[in-house]
Amino acid sequence: MVLSMSIADTYQRLRDEIPARVTIVVAAKTRSAEEMLEVIEAGATDIGHNYVQEAEQARAALGPDADRVRWHLIGHLQTNKINKALQVFDVMQTVDSLETARAIDTRAARFCRVVPVYIEVNSASEASKTGVAPDLKALAGLARGLCTFEHVRLDGLMTMGPLGAGDDVRAAFRKTRHLFDQLRGLGMTCLDTLSMGMTDSYRIAIEEGATMVRPGTIVFGPR
């Protein structure tokens, strides 16, 4: 009889497997407060959520334990949710337009916050996904615009990439890493985070230069 591993055990095994230089953001969409608390107790430092309202409810259920980790928005941000998002998330990983960044900046000023953000890159140019086209000129223009705001701090790039773990995923991650390096070569040394890879693809992402991965199912088990 094979006993299933606990959430704590699977997280610790993952942490042992992944190089220490790579941050693990545990993707917790639809997970209960009890499941999140177990992974926090196991040593998780960062939690990712796709939806503002769900993350708000999770933080409320966790109480003081919610403050033991950094909270990352890893889903699309709607402008009308920014005020609430600023009260829930420490990092916004999915900025894809100057308009969104400007709205974050304006509202963050009211909270006296400087918000770390990443630019989301639609690395496989998929019509069904948000993000900036994987084009250096477009990315550099947005990055320069973000650097003009007082209450937004550009820290990195993020990509979803296509589903799976095949050659298309590797190509998308490799392209994003190349764009990351090109932007740094243009003097944007503020970029220090490359967020790529989920449960199916985090190993490929690390091979292609990710400094942050976002696994979920491998930690918690199937939804």
N, C-alpha and C. Protein backbone atom coordinates (compact mmCIF):
# COMPACT_ATOMS: atom_id res chain seq x y z
N MET A 1 0.83 -1.19 0.00
CA MET A 1 0.00 0.00 0.00
C MET A 1 0.88 1.26 0.00
N VAL A 2 0.63 2.15 -0.94
CA VAL A 2 1.41 3.38 -1.05
C VAL A 2 0.64 4.52 -0.37
N LEU A 3 1.26 5.13 0.60
CA LEU A 3 0.62 6.24 1.30
C LEU A 3 0.93 7.54 0.58
N SER A 4 -0.08 8.38 0.41
CA SER A 4 0.15 9.67 -0.25
C SER A 4 0.91 10.59 0.70
N MET A 5 1.73 11.44 0.12
CA MET A 5 2.52 12.36 0.92
C MET A 5 1.66 13.55 1.34
N SER A 6 1.99 14.13 2.47
CA SER A 6 1.27 15.30 2.93
C SER A 6 1.70 16.52 2.11
N ILE A 7 0.91 17.58 2.21
CA ILE A 7 1.26 18.83 1.55
C ILE A 7 2.63 19.31 2.02
N ALA A 8 2.86 19.23 3.32
CA ALA A 8 4.15 19.65 3.88
C ALA A 8 5.30 18.84 3.28
N ASP A 9 5.11 17.53 3.20
CA ASP A 9 6.17 16.67 2.65
C ASP A 9 6.45 17.00 1.19
N THR A 10 5.38 17.19 0.39
CA THR A 10 5.59 17.45 -1.03
C THR A 10 6.24 18.81 -1.23
N TYR A 11 5.86 19.79 -0.42
CA TYR A 11 6.50 21.11 -0.56
C TYR A 11 7.99 21.01 -0.20
N GLN A 12 8.29 20.34 0.89
CA GLN A 12 9.69 20.25 1.32
C GLN A 12 10.53 19.47 0.31
N ARG A 13 9.95 18.44 -0.28
CA ARG A 13 10.66 17.69 -1.31
C ARG A 13 10.92 18.59 -2.53
N LEU A 14 9.92 19.40 -2.89
CA LEU A 14 10.08 20.32 -4.02
C LEU A 14 11.15 21.37 -3.72
N ARG A 15 11.12 21.88 -2.49
CA ARG A 15 12.10 22.89 -2.10
C ARG A 15 13.52 22.31 -2.14
N ASP A 16 13.65 21.04 -1.75
CA ASP A 16 14.96 20.39 -1.80
C ASP A 16 15.42 20.17 -3.24
N GLU A 17 14.46 19.93 -4.13
CA GLU A 17 14.78 19.66 -5.54
C GLU A 17 15.18 20.92 -6.29
N ILE A 18 14.49 22.02 -6.03
CA ILE A 18 14.69 23.25 -6.78
C ILE A 18 15.85 24.04 -6.19
N PRO A 19 16.73 24.57 -7.03
CA PRO A 19 17.88 25.33 -6.52
C PRO A 19 17.44 26.47 -5.61
N ALA A 20 18.22 26.73 -4.58
CA ALA A 20 17.87 27.76 -3.59
C ALA A 20 17.72 29.13 -4.22
N ARG A 21 18.39 29.38 -5.35
CA ARG A 21 18.32 30.69 -6.00
C ARG A 21 16.96 30.94 -6.66
N VAL A 22 16.16 29.89 -6.80
CA VAL A 22 14.85 29.99 -7.45
C VAL A 22 13.75 30.09 -6.39
N THR A 23 12.98 31.16 -6.45
CA THR A 23 11.87 31.36 -5.51
C THR A 23 10.68 30.51 -5.94
N ILE A 24 10.05 29.86 -4.99
CA ILE A 24 8.84 29.09 -5.26
C ILE A 24 7.63 29.90 -4.81
N VAL A 25 6.78 30.26 -5.75
CA VAL A 25 5.49 30.88 -5.44
C VAL A 25 4.45 29.77 -5.55
N VAL A 26 3.87 29.36 -4.44
CA VAL A 26 2.92 28.25 -4.45
C VAL A 26 1.57 28.75 -4.94
N ALA A 27 1.14 28.25 -6.10
CA ALA A 27 -0.13 28.68 -6.69
C ALA A 27 -1.28 28.02 -5.94
N ALA A 28 -2.14 28.85 -5.34
CA ALA A 28 -3.12 28.33 -4.38
C ALA A 28 -4.56 28.57 -4.80
N LYS A 29 -4.80 28.75 -6.09
CA LYS A 29 -6.18 28.95 -6.56
C LYS A 29 -7.08 27.79 -6.12
N THR A 30 -8.23 28.11 -5.55
CA THR A 30 -9.28 27.18 -5.07
C THR A 30 -8.87 26.40 -3.82
N ARG A 31 -7.69 26.63 -3.28
CA ARG A 31 -7.26 25.85 -2.13
C ARG A 31 -7.81 26.42 -0.83
N SER A 32 -8.02 25.57 0.13
CA SER A 32 -8.59 25.99 1.41
C SER A 32 -7.54 26.66 2.28
N ALA A 33 -8.02 27.39 3.28
CA ALA A 33 -7.10 28.02 4.23
C ALA A 33 -6.28 26.97 4.96
N GLU A 34 -6.87 25.81 5.23
CA GLU A 34 -6.14 24.75 5.93
C GLU A 34 -4.98 24.24 5.07
N GLU A 35 -5.24 24.09 3.77
CA GLU A 35 -4.17 23.63 2.88
C GLU A 35 -3.06 24.67 2.79
N MET A 36 -3.45 25.93 2.69
CA MET A 36 -2.44 26.99 2.61
C MET A 36 -1.64 27.09 3.91
N LEU A 37 -2.30 26.92 5.03
CA LEU A 37 -1.59 26.98 6.31
C LEU A 37 -0.57 25.86 6.40
N GLU A 38 -0.92 24.68 5.90
CA GLU A 38 0.02 23.57 5.95
C GLU A 38 1.28 23.87 5.14
N VAL A 39 1.11 24.48 3.98
CA VAL A 39 2.29 24.77 3.16
C VAL A 39 3.10 25.93 3.76
N ILE A 40 2.41 26.87 4.41
CA ILE A 40 3.13 27.95 5.11
C ILE A 40 3.94 27.37 6.27
N GLU A 41 3.33 26.48 7.02
CA GLU A 41 4.03 25.84 8.14
C GLU A 41 5.24 25.04 7.64
N ALA A 42 5.14 24.53 6.40
CA ALA A 42 6.24 23.74 5.85
C ALA A 42 7.39 24.59 5.36
N GLY A 43 7.20 25.92 5.38
CA GLY A 43 8.30 26.80 5.00
C GLY A 43 8.08 27.64 3.77
N ALA A 44 6.90 27.55 3.15
CA ALA A 44 6.64 28.38 1.97
C ALA A 44 6.77 29.86 2.33
N THR A 45 7.35 30.62 1.42
CA THR A 45 7.57 32.05 1.65
C THR A 45 6.68 32.92 0.77
N ASP A 46 6.11 32.31 -0.29
CA ASP A 46 5.34 33.09 -1.26
C ASP A 46 4.12 32.28 -1.72
N ILE A 47 2.97 32.96 -1.78
CA ILE A 47 1.72 32.35 -2.23
C ILE A 47 1.21 33.12 -3.44
N GLY A 48 0.75 32.41 -4.46
CA GLY A 48 0.19 33.05 -5.64
C GLY A 48 -1.29 32.79 -5.76
N HIS A 49 -2.03 33.81 -6.19
CA HIS A 49 -3.47 33.66 -6.40
C HIS A 49 -3.88 34.33 -7.70
N ASN A 50 -4.88 33.75 -8.35
CA ASN A 50 -5.36 34.28 -9.62
C ASN A 50 -6.43 35.35 -9.47
N TYR A 51 -7.18 35.28 -8.39
CA TYR A 51 -8.35 36.15 -8.26
C TYR A 51 -8.29 36.97 -6.99
N VAL A 52 -8.64 38.23 -7.11
CA VAL A 52 -8.56 39.15 -5.98
C VAL A 52 -9.50 38.73 -4.86
N GLN A 53 -10.76 38.46 -5.19
CA GLN A 53 -11.74 38.16 -4.15
C GLN A 53 -11.40 36.86 -3.42
N GLU A 54 -10.96 35.86 -4.17
CA GLU A 54 -10.61 34.59 -3.54
C GLU A 54 -9.40 34.75 -2.61
N ALA A 55 -8.43 35.53 -3.04
CA ALA A 55 -7.26 35.77 -2.20
C ALA A 55 -7.63 36.57 -0.96
N GLU A 56 -8.53 37.52 -1.12
CA GLU A 56 -8.99 38.31 0.03
C GLU A 56 -9.65 37.40 1.07
N GLN A 57 -10.47 36.48 0.62
CA GLN A 57 -11.13 35.54 1.52
C GLN A 57 -10.11 34.62 2.20
N ALA A 58 -9.11 34.18 1.42
CA ALA A 58 -8.08 33.30 1.98
C ALA A 58 -7.29 34.01 3.06
N ARG A 59 -6.91 35.26 2.81
CA ARG A 59 -6.15 36.01 3.81
C ARG A 59 -6.96 36.21 5.08
N ALA A 60 -8.25 36.49 4.92
CA ALA A 60 -9.10 36.68 6.09
C ALA A 60 -9.20 35.39 6.90
N ALA A 61 -9.32 34.25 6.20
CA ALA A 61 -9.44 32.97 6.89
C ALA A 61 -8.14 32.59 7.60
N LEU A 62 -7.01 32.98 7.03
CA LEU A 62 -5.71 32.66 7.63
C LEU A 62 -5.37 33.55 8.82
N GLY A 63 -5.97 34.72 8.87
CA GLY A 63 -5.69 35.64 9.97
C GLY A 63 -4.24 36.06 9.98
N PRO A 64 -3.61 36.15 11.16
CA PRO A 64 -2.22 36.60 11.26
C PRO A 64 -1.23 35.74 10.46
N ASP A 65 -1.59 34.46 10.21
CA ASP A 65 -0.68 33.59 9.45
C ASP A 65 -0.51 34.07 8.02
N ALA A 66 -1.46 34.84 7.51
CA ALA A 66 -1.35 35.34 6.14
C ALA A 66 -0.15 36.25 5.97
N ASP A 67 0.25 36.90 7.04
CA ASP A 67 1.36 37.85 6.97
C ASP A 67 2.73 37.18 7.02
N ARG A 68 2.75 35.86 7.10
CA ARG A 68 4.02 35.13 7.12
C ARG A 68 4.60 34.91 5.73
N VAL A 69 3.80 35.20 4.70
CA VAL A 69 4.24 35.00 3.32
C VAL A 69 3.96 36.25 2.49
N ARG A 70 4.62 36.33 1.33
CA ARG A 70 4.30 37.37 0.35
C ARG A 70 3.21 36.84 -0.57
N TRP A 71 2.27 37.71 -0.92
CA TRP A 71 1.15 37.33 -1.77
C TRP A 71 1.34 37.93 -3.16
N HIS A 72 1.26 37.07 -4.17
CA HIS A 72 1.48 37.46 -5.56
C HIS A 72 0.18 37.33 -6.36
N LEU A 73 -0.17 38.36 -7.09
CA LEU A 73 -1.26 38.24 -8.05
C LEU A 73 -0.68 37.63 -9.33
N ILE A 74 -1.17 36.45 -9.71
CA ILE A 74 -0.65 35.77 -10.89
C ILE A 74 -1.72 35.58 -11.96
N GLY A 75 -2.90 36.18 -11.73
CA GLY A 75 -3.96 36.20 -12.73
C GLY A 75 -4.15 37.61 -13.27
N HIS A 76 -4.95 37.72 -14.30
CA HIS A 76 -5.17 39.02 -14.94
C HIS A 76 -5.80 40.01 -13.95
N LEU A 77 -5.32 41.24 -13.98
CA LEU A 77 -5.81 42.28 -13.07
C LEU A 77 -6.77 43.20 -13.80
N GLN A 78 -8.01 43.25 -13.32
CA GLN A 78 -8.99 44.19 -13.87
C GLN A 78 -8.84 45.53 -13.15
N THR A 79 -8.96 46.60 -13.92
CA THR A 79 -8.75 47.94 -13.36
C THR A 79 -9.67 48.21 -12.18
N ASN A 80 -10.91 47.73 -12.25
CA ASN A 80 -11.85 48.00 -11.17
C ASN A 80 -11.58 47.21 -9.90
N LYS A 81 -10.56 46.32 -9.96
CA LYS A 81 -10.20 45.53 -8.78
C LYS A 81 -8.89 46.01 -8.14
N ILE A 82 -8.31 47.08 -8.67
CA ILE A 82 -6.98 47.49 -8.21
C ILE A 82 -6.99 47.92 -6.76
N ASN A 83 -7.97 48.72 -6.34
CA ASN A 83 -8.00 49.17 -4.94
C ASN A 83 -7.99 47.98 -3.99
N LYS A 84 -8.84 47.00 -4.28
CA LYS A 84 -8.90 45.81 -3.41
C LYS A 84 -7.61 45.00 -3.52
N ALA A 85 -7.07 44.88 -4.73
CA ALA A 85 -5.85 44.10 -4.93
C ALA A 85 -4.69 44.66 -4.12
N LEU A 86 -4.64 45.96 -4.01
CA LEU A 86 -3.55 46.59 -3.26
C LEU A 86 -3.63 46.28 -1.76
N GLN A 87 -4.80 45.90 -1.30
CA GLN A 87 -4.96 45.54 0.10
C GLN A 87 -4.69 44.06 0.35
N VAL A 88 -4.55 43.30 -0.76
CA VAL A 88 -4.41 41.85 -0.65
C VAL A 88 -3.02 41.36 -1.07
N PHE A 89 -2.48 41.96 -2.14
CA PHE A 89 -1.26 41.43 -2.75
C PHE A 89 -0.05 42.31 -2.48
N ASP A 90 1.09 41.66 -2.32
CA ASP A 90 2.36 42.36 -2.16
C ASP A 90 3.03 42.61 -3.51
N VAL A 91 2.79 41.71 -4.47
CA VAL A 91 3.43 41.77 -5.78
C VAL A 91 2.37 41.57 -6.86
N MET A 92 2.43 42.35 -7.93
CA MET A 92 1.53 42.21 -9.08
C MET A 92 2.34 41.67 -10.26
N GLN A 93 2.09 40.42 -10.64
CA GLN A 93 2.93 39.79 -11.66
C GLN A 93 2.41 39.96 -13.08
N THR A 94 1.25 40.56 -13.27
CA THR A 94 0.61 40.47 -14.59
C THR A 94 0.29 41.83 -15.21
N VAL A 95 1.15 42.79 -15.04
CA VAL A 95 0.94 44.10 -15.67
C VAL A 95 1.26 43.97 -17.17
N ASP A 96 0.34 44.41 -18.01
CA ASP A 96 0.56 44.27 -19.45
C ASP A 96 0.25 45.54 -20.25
N SER A 97 0.06 46.66 -19.55
CA SER A 97 -0.19 47.91 -20.26
C SER A 97 0.20 49.10 -19.38
N LEU A 98 0.49 50.20 -20.04
CA LEU A 98 0.81 51.42 -19.31
C LEU A 98 -0.41 51.93 -18.54
N GLU A 99 -1.60 51.71 -19.11
CA GLU A 99 -2.83 52.15 -18.46
C GLU A 99 -3.02 51.44 -17.12
N THR A 100 -2.80 50.14 -17.11
CA THR A 100 -2.91 49.39 -15.86
C THR A 100 -1.87 49.86 -14.85
N ALA A 101 -0.65 50.05 -15.32
CA ALA A 101 0.41 50.50 -14.42
C ALA A 101 0.10 51.88 -13.85
N ARG A 102 -0.42 52.76 -14.69
CA ARG A 102 -0.76 54.11 -14.22
C ARG A 102 -1.87 54.05 -13.15
N ALA A 103 -2.84 53.17 -13.37
CA ALA A 103 -3.92 53.02 -12.39
C ALA A 103 -3.39 52.47 -11.07
N ILE A 104 -2.47 51.52 -11.14
CA ILE A 104 -1.86 51.00 -9.91
C ILE A 104 -1.09 52.10 -9.21
N ASP A 105 -0.33 52.87 -9.97
CA ASP A 105 0.48 53.95 -9.39
C ASP A 105 -0.40 54.97 -8.67
N THR A 106 -1.47 55.38 -9.31
CA THR A 106 -2.36 56.38 -8.72
C THR A 106 -2.97 55.89 -7.42
N ARG A 107 -3.43 54.65 -7.43
CA ARG A 107 -4.10 54.11 -6.24
C ARG A 107 -3.09 53.75 -5.15
N ALA A 108 -1.91 53.28 -5.56
CA ALA A 108 -0.88 52.95 -4.57
C ALA A 108 -0.41 54.19 -3.82
N ALA A 109 -0.45 55.35 -4.50
CA ALA A 109 -0.07 56.59 -3.83
C ALA A 109 -0.97 56.87 -2.63
N ARG A 110 -2.24 56.50 -2.75
CA ARG A 110 -3.19 56.73 -1.65
C ARG A 110 -2.88 55.83 -0.47
N PHE A 111 -2.28 54.67 -0.75
CA PHE A 111 -1.90 53.75 0.32
C PHE A 111 -0.47 53.98 0.79
N CYS A 112 0.20 54.97 0.19
CA CYS A 112 1.61 55.25 0.51
C CYS A 112 2.47 54.01 0.30
N ARG A 113 2.23 53.32 -0.81
CA ARG A 113 2.95 52.09 -1.12
C ARG A 113 3.74 52.24 -2.42
N VAL A 114 4.83 51.50 -2.51
CA VAL A 114 5.51 51.27 -3.77
C VAL A 114 5.32 49.79 -4.10
N VAL A 115 4.67 49.52 -5.22
CA VAL A 115 4.24 48.15 -5.54
C VAL A 115 5.21 47.49 -6.52
N PRO A 116 5.82 46.37 -6.14
CA PRO A 116 6.63 45.62 -7.10
C PRO A 116 5.73 45.01 -8.17
N VAL A 117 6.10 45.18 -9.43
CA VAL A 117 5.32 44.61 -10.53
C VAL A 117 6.24 43.90 -11.50
N TYR A 118 5.66 42.93 -12.22
CA TYR A 118 6.33 42.27 -13.34
C TYR A 118 5.51 42.54 -14.59
N ILE A 119 6.16 42.60 -15.73
CA ILE A 119 5.45 42.68 -17.00
C ILE A 119 5.13 41.26 -17.46
N GLU A 120 3.84 41.03 -17.78
CA GLU A 120 3.46 39.72 -18.30
C GLU A 120 3.72 39.67 -19.80
N VAL A 121 4.43 38.65 -20.23
CA VAL A 121 4.77 38.46 -21.64
C VAL A 121 3.94 37.30 -22.19
N ASN A 122 3.23 37.55 -23.27
CA ASN A 122 2.48 36.49 -23.96
C ASN A 122 3.47 35.77 -24.88
N SER A 123 4.29 34.92 -24.28
CA SER A 123 5.49 34.41 -24.94
C SER A 123 5.21 33.53 -26.14
N ALA A 124 4.04 32.90 -26.19
CA ALA A 124 3.69 32.06 -27.34
C ALA A 124 2.69 32.76 -28.26
N SER A 125 2.44 34.04 -28.02
CA SER A 125 1.51 34.84 -28.85
C SER A 125 0.16 34.15 -29.00
N GLU A 126 -0.39 33.70 -27.87
CA GLU A 126 -1.67 32.99 -27.89
C GLU A 126 -2.82 33.99 -27.76
N ALA A 127 -3.77 33.91 -28.67
CA ALA A 127 -4.88 34.85 -28.68
C ALA A 127 -5.73 34.75 -27.41
N SER A 128 -5.72 33.59 -26.78
CA SER A 128 -6.55 33.38 -25.60
C SER A 128 -5.93 33.92 -24.31
N LYS A 129 -4.69 34.42 -24.40
CA LYS A 129 -3.99 34.85 -23.18
C LYS A 129 -3.66 36.33 -23.24
N THR A 130 -3.60 36.92 -22.06
CA THR A 130 -3.21 38.32 -21.94
C THR A 130 -1.68 38.42 -21.92
N GLY A 131 -1.20 39.63 -21.93
CA GLY A 131 0.23 39.84 -21.88
C GLY A 131 0.73 40.62 -23.08
N VAL A 132 1.93 41.14 -22.95
CA VAL A 132 2.56 41.92 -24.00
C VAL A 132 3.16 40.97 -25.03
N ALA A 133 3.10 41.33 -26.30
CA ALA A 133 3.71 40.52 -27.35
C ALA A 133 5.20 40.35 -27.07
N PRO A 134 5.76 39.19 -27.43
CA PRO A 134 7.18 38.94 -27.17
C PRO A 134 8.07 39.70 -28.15
N ASP A 135 8.01 41.01 -28.04
CA ASP A 135 8.70 41.91 -28.96
C ASP A 135 9.52 42.90 -28.13
N LEU A 136 10.80 43.00 -28.42
CA LEU A 136 11.68 43.83 -27.59
C LEU A 136 11.25 45.29 -27.59
N LYS A 137 10.88 45.81 -28.73
CA LYS A 137 10.49 47.23 -28.80
C LYS A 137 9.28 47.50 -27.92
N ALA A 138 8.27 46.63 -27.99
CA ALA A 138 7.06 46.81 -27.19
C ALA A 138 7.37 46.69 -25.70
N LEU A 139 8.17 45.71 -25.35
CA LEU A 139 8.51 45.51 -23.94
C LEU A 139 9.35 46.66 -23.40
N ALA A 140 10.32 47.10 -24.18
CA ALA A 140 11.18 48.19 -23.73
C ALA A 140 10.38 49.47 -23.54
N GLY A 141 9.43 49.72 -24.44
CA GLY A 141 8.60 50.91 -24.31
C GLY A 141 7.77 50.89 -23.04
N LEU A 142 7.17 49.73 -22.76
CA LEU A 142 6.37 49.62 -21.54
C LEU A 142 7.27 49.71 -20.30
N ALA A 143 8.41 49.05 -20.34
CA ALA A 143 9.31 49.07 -19.19
C ALA A 143 9.77 50.49 -18.89
N ARG A 144 10.11 51.25 -19.92
CA ARG A 144 10.54 52.64 -19.69
C ARG A 144 9.40 53.46 -19.10
N GLY A 145 8.18 53.21 -19.57
CA GLY A 145 7.04 53.92 -19.02
C GLY A 145 6.82 53.59 -17.55
N LEU A 146 6.96 52.32 -17.20
CA LEU A 146 6.79 51.92 -15.80
C LEU A 146 7.81 52.59 -14.90
N CYS A 147 9.01 52.79 -15.41
CA CYS A 147 10.08 53.37 -14.60
C CYS A 147 9.86 54.85 -14.29
N THR A 148 8.86 55.45 -14.91
CA THR A 148 8.57 56.87 -14.63
C THR A 148 7.64 57.04 -13.45
N PHE A 149 7.01 55.97 -12.98
CA PHE A 149 6.04 56.08 -11.89
C PHE A 149 6.74 56.03 -10.54
N GLU A 150 6.18 56.74 -9.58
CA GLU A 150 6.76 56.79 -8.24
C GLU A 150 6.32 55.63 -7.35
N HIS A 151 5.13 55.09 -7.63
CA HIS A 151 4.57 54.10 -6.71
C HIS A 151 4.46 52.71 -7.35
N VAL A 152 5.16 52.53 -8.46
CA VAL A 152 5.28 51.22 -9.11
C VAL A 152 6.76 50.95 -9.31
N ARG A 153 7.21 49.75 -8.96
CA ARG A 153 8.62 49.39 -9.14
C ARG A 153 8.72 48.15 -10.02
N LEU A 154 9.31 48.32 -11.18
CA LEU A 154 9.45 47.20 -12.11
C LEU A 154 10.56 46.27 -11.62
N ASP A 155 10.19 45.02 -11.32
CA ASP A 155 11.15 44.06 -10.79
C ASP A 155 11.45 42.90 -11.74
N GLY A 156 10.55 42.63 -12.72
CA GLY A 156 10.80 41.45 -13.53
C GLY A 156 9.83 41.24 -14.66
N LEU A 157 9.98 40.07 -15.30
CA LEU A 157 9.06 39.60 -16.33
C LEU A 157 8.40 38.32 -15.86
N MET A 158 7.19 38.08 -16.36
CA MET A 158 6.44 36.87 -16.04
C MET A 158 5.82 36.34 -17.33
N THR A 159 5.79 35.03 -17.47
CA THR A 159 5.05 34.44 -18.58
C THR A 159 4.35 33.17 -18.14
N MET A 160 3.21 32.92 -18.77
CA MET A 160 2.50 31.66 -18.56
C MET A 160 3.08 30.58 -19.46
N GLY A 161 3.25 30.91 -20.74
CA GLY A 161 3.68 29.91 -21.70
C GLY A 161 2.54 28.97 -22.04
N PRO A 162 2.66 28.20 -23.11
CA PRO A 162 1.62 27.23 -23.45
C PRO A 162 1.56 26.11 -22.43
N LEU A 163 0.43 25.44 -22.36
CA LEU A 163 0.27 24.33 -21.42
C LEU A 163 1.15 23.15 -21.84
N GLY A 164 1.50 22.35 -20.85
CA GLY A 164 2.27 21.15 -21.13
C GLY A 164 3.74 21.31 -20.78
N ALA A 165 4.55 20.39 -21.34
CA ALA A 165 5.98 20.40 -21.03
C ALA A 165 6.80 20.02 -22.26
N GLY A 166 6.32 20.43 -23.43
CA GLY A 166 7.00 20.05 -24.66
C GLY A 166 7.89 21.13 -25.22
N ASP A 167 8.25 20.96 -26.50
CA ASP A 167 9.17 21.89 -27.15
C ASP A 167 8.60 23.30 -27.25
N ASP A 168 7.28 23.42 -27.41
CA ASP A 168 6.67 24.75 -27.50
C ASP A 168 6.87 25.54 -26.21
N VAL A 169 6.76 24.85 -25.09
CA VAL A 169 6.96 25.49 -23.80
C VAL A 169 8.40 25.96 -23.66
N ARG A 170 9.32 25.08 -24.00
CA ARG A 170 10.74 25.44 -23.90
C ARG A 170 11.06 26.64 -24.78
N ALA A 171 10.51 26.65 -25.99
CA ALA A 171 10.77 27.76 -26.91
C ALA A 171 10.23 29.07 -26.35
N ALA A 172 9.04 29.02 -25.74
CA ALA A 172 8.44 30.22 -25.16
C ALA A 172 9.26 30.74 -23.99
N PHE A 173 9.71 29.84 -23.14
CA PHE A 173 10.53 30.24 -21.99
C PHE A 173 11.88 30.78 -22.45
N ARG A 174 12.46 30.13 -23.45
CA ARG A 174 13.75 30.59 -23.95
C ARG A 174 13.63 31.99 -24.55
N LYS A 175 12.55 32.22 -25.27
CA LYS A 175 12.31 33.54 -25.86
C LYS A 175 12.17 34.60 -24.77
N THR A 176 11.44 34.28 -23.70
CA THR A 176 11.25 35.24 -22.61
C THR A 176 12.57 35.53 -21.90
N ARG A 177 13.37 34.50 -21.69
CA ARG A 177 14.67 34.70 -21.07
C ARG A 177 15.55 35.61 -21.94
N HIS A 178 15.49 35.41 -23.26
CA HIS A 178 16.28 36.23 -24.17
C HIS A 178 15.84 37.69 -24.09
N LEU A 179 14.53 37.92 -24.05
CA LEU A 179 14.01 39.28 -23.92
C LEU A 179 14.42 39.90 -22.59
N PHE A 180 14.37 39.11 -21.54
CA PHE A 180 14.82 39.55 -20.21
C PHE A 180 16.27 40.03 -20.26
N ASP A 181 17.12 39.22 -20.89
CA ASP A 181 18.54 39.58 -20.99
C ASP A 181 18.73 40.82 -21.86
N GLN A 182 17.94 40.93 -22.93
CA GLN A 182 18.05 42.09 -23.80
C GLN A 182 17.65 43.37 -23.07
N LEU A 183 16.59 43.31 -22.29
CA LEU A 183 16.15 44.48 -21.53
C LEU A 183 17.22 44.90 -20.52
N ARG A 184 17.80 43.93 -19.86
CA ARG A 184 18.89 44.26 -18.93
C ARG A 184 20.07 44.88 -19.67
N GLY A 185 20.31 44.39 -20.88
CA GLY A 185 21.38 44.94 -21.69
C GLY A 185 21.12 46.37 -22.12
N LEU A 186 19.85 46.76 -22.14
CA LEU A 186 19.49 48.15 -22.46
C LEU A 186 19.59 49.06 -21.23
N GLY A 187 20.06 48.50 -20.12
CA GLY A 187 20.25 49.31 -18.92
C GLY A 187 19.19 49.13 -17.85
N MET A 188 18.22 48.23 -18.10
CA MET A 188 17.15 48.02 -17.12
C MET A 188 17.58 46.96 -16.12
N THR A 189 18.59 47.30 -15.34
CA THR A 189 19.15 46.35 -14.38
C THR A 189 18.24 46.15 -13.17
N CYS A 190 17.15 46.95 -13.10
CA CYS A 190 16.16 46.73 -12.04
C CYS A 190 15.48 45.38 -12.21
N LEU A 191 15.51 44.84 -13.42
CA LEU A 191 14.90 43.54 -13.68
C LEU A 191 15.77 42.44 -13.07
N ASP A 192 15.26 41.81 -12.02
CA ASP A 192 16.02 40.72 -11.40
C ASP A 192 15.21 39.45 -11.23
N THR A 193 13.94 39.47 -11.65
CA THR A 193 13.08 38.29 -11.47
C THR A 193 12.52 37.85 -12.82
N LEU A 194 12.62 36.55 -13.09
CA LEU A 194 12.03 35.96 -14.28
C LEU A 194 11.12 34.83 -13.82
N SER A 195 9.82 35.11 -13.83
CA SER A 195 8.81 34.20 -13.28
C SER A 195 8.22 33.35 -14.41
N MET A 196 8.57 32.06 -14.42
CA MET A 196 8.12 31.15 -15.49
C MET A 196 7.93 29.76 -14.91
N GLY A 197 6.93 29.04 -15.43
CA GLY A 197 6.81 27.63 -15.11
C GLY A 197 5.84 27.33 -13.99
N MET A 198 4.99 26.32 -14.25
CA MET A 198 4.03 25.85 -13.25
C MET A 198 4.29 24.36 -13.00
N THR A 199 3.31 23.64 -12.51
CA THR A 199 3.52 22.24 -12.13
C THR A 199 4.10 21.42 -13.27
N ASP A 200 3.54 21.54 -14.47
CA ASP A 200 3.99 20.71 -15.59
C ASP A 200 5.30 21.18 -16.20
N SER A 201 5.66 22.42 -15.94
CA SER A 201 6.75 23.00 -16.72
C SER A 201 7.85 23.66 -15.89
N TYR A 202 7.81 23.54 -14.56
CA TYR A 202 8.78 24.29 -13.76
C TYR A 202 10.21 23.80 -13.99
N ARG A 203 10.39 22.52 -14.27
CA ARG A 203 11.74 22.02 -14.51
C ARG A 203 12.33 22.64 -15.78
N ILE A 204 11.52 22.70 -16.83
CA ILE A 204 11.97 23.33 -18.08
C ILE A 204 12.25 24.81 -17.84
N ALA A 205 11.38 25.46 -17.08
CA ALA A 205 11.56 26.88 -16.80
C ALA A 205 12.90 27.15 -16.11
N ILE A 206 13.24 26.32 -15.15
CA ILE A 206 14.50 26.49 -14.44
C ILE A 206 15.69 26.27 -15.38
N GLU A 207 15.58 25.26 -16.24
CA GLU A 207 16.64 25.01 -17.23
C GLU A 207 16.82 26.21 -18.16
N GLU A 208 15.73 26.92 -18.41
CA GLU A 208 15.77 28.06 -19.33
C GLU A 208 15.99 29.40 -18.62
N GLY A 209 16.30 29.35 -17.33
CA GLY A 209 16.72 30.57 -16.65
C GLY A 209 15.75 31.21 -15.69
N ALA A 210 14.63 30.57 -15.37
CA ALA A 210 13.68 31.15 -14.43
C ALA A 210 14.34 31.36 -13.07
N THR A 211 14.02 32.48 -12.45
CA THR A 211 14.45 32.72 -11.06
C THR A 211 13.28 32.55 -10.10
N MET A 212 12.08 32.30 -10.67
CA MET A 212 10.87 32.11 -9.87
C MET A 212 9.96 31.15 -10.63
N VAL A 213 9.38 30.19 -9.91
CA VAL A 213 8.42 29.26 -10.51
C VAL A 213 7.13 29.27 -9.70
N ARG A 214 6.02 28.81 -10.33
CA ARG A 214 4.71 28.93 -9.70
C ARG A 214 3.95 27.60 -9.69
N PRO A 215 4.48 26.56 -9.05
CA PRO A 215 3.79 25.27 -9.01
C PRO A 215 2.62 25.29 -8.03
N GLY A 216 1.62 24.49 -8.32
CA GLY A 216 0.47 24.41 -7.42
C GLY A 216 0.02 22.98 -7.19
N THR A 217 -0.44 22.32 -8.26
CA THR A 217 -0.99 20.97 -8.15
C THR A 217 0.03 19.98 -7.60
N ILE A 218 1.29 20.14 -7.98
CA ILE A 218 2.31 19.22 -7.49
C ILE A 218 2.48 19.32 -5.97
N VAL A 219 2.14 20.46 -5.40
CA VAL A 219 2.23 20.66 -3.95
C VAL A 219 0.97 20.16 -3.26
N PHE A 220 -0.18 20.59 -3.76
CA PHE A 220 -1.46 20.33 -3.07
C PHE A 220 -2.14 19.04 -3.51
N GLY A 221 -1.78 18.52 -4.69
CA GLY A 221 -2.52 17.42 -5.25
C GLY A 221 -3.64 17.94 -6.15
N PRO A 222 -4.34 17.04 -6.85
CA PRO A 222 -5.39 17.46 -7.78
C PRO A 222 -6.50 18.23 -7.06
N ARG A 223 -7.10 19.16 -7.80
CA ARG A 223 -8.22 19.91 -7.23
C ARG A 223 -9.44 19.03 -7.13
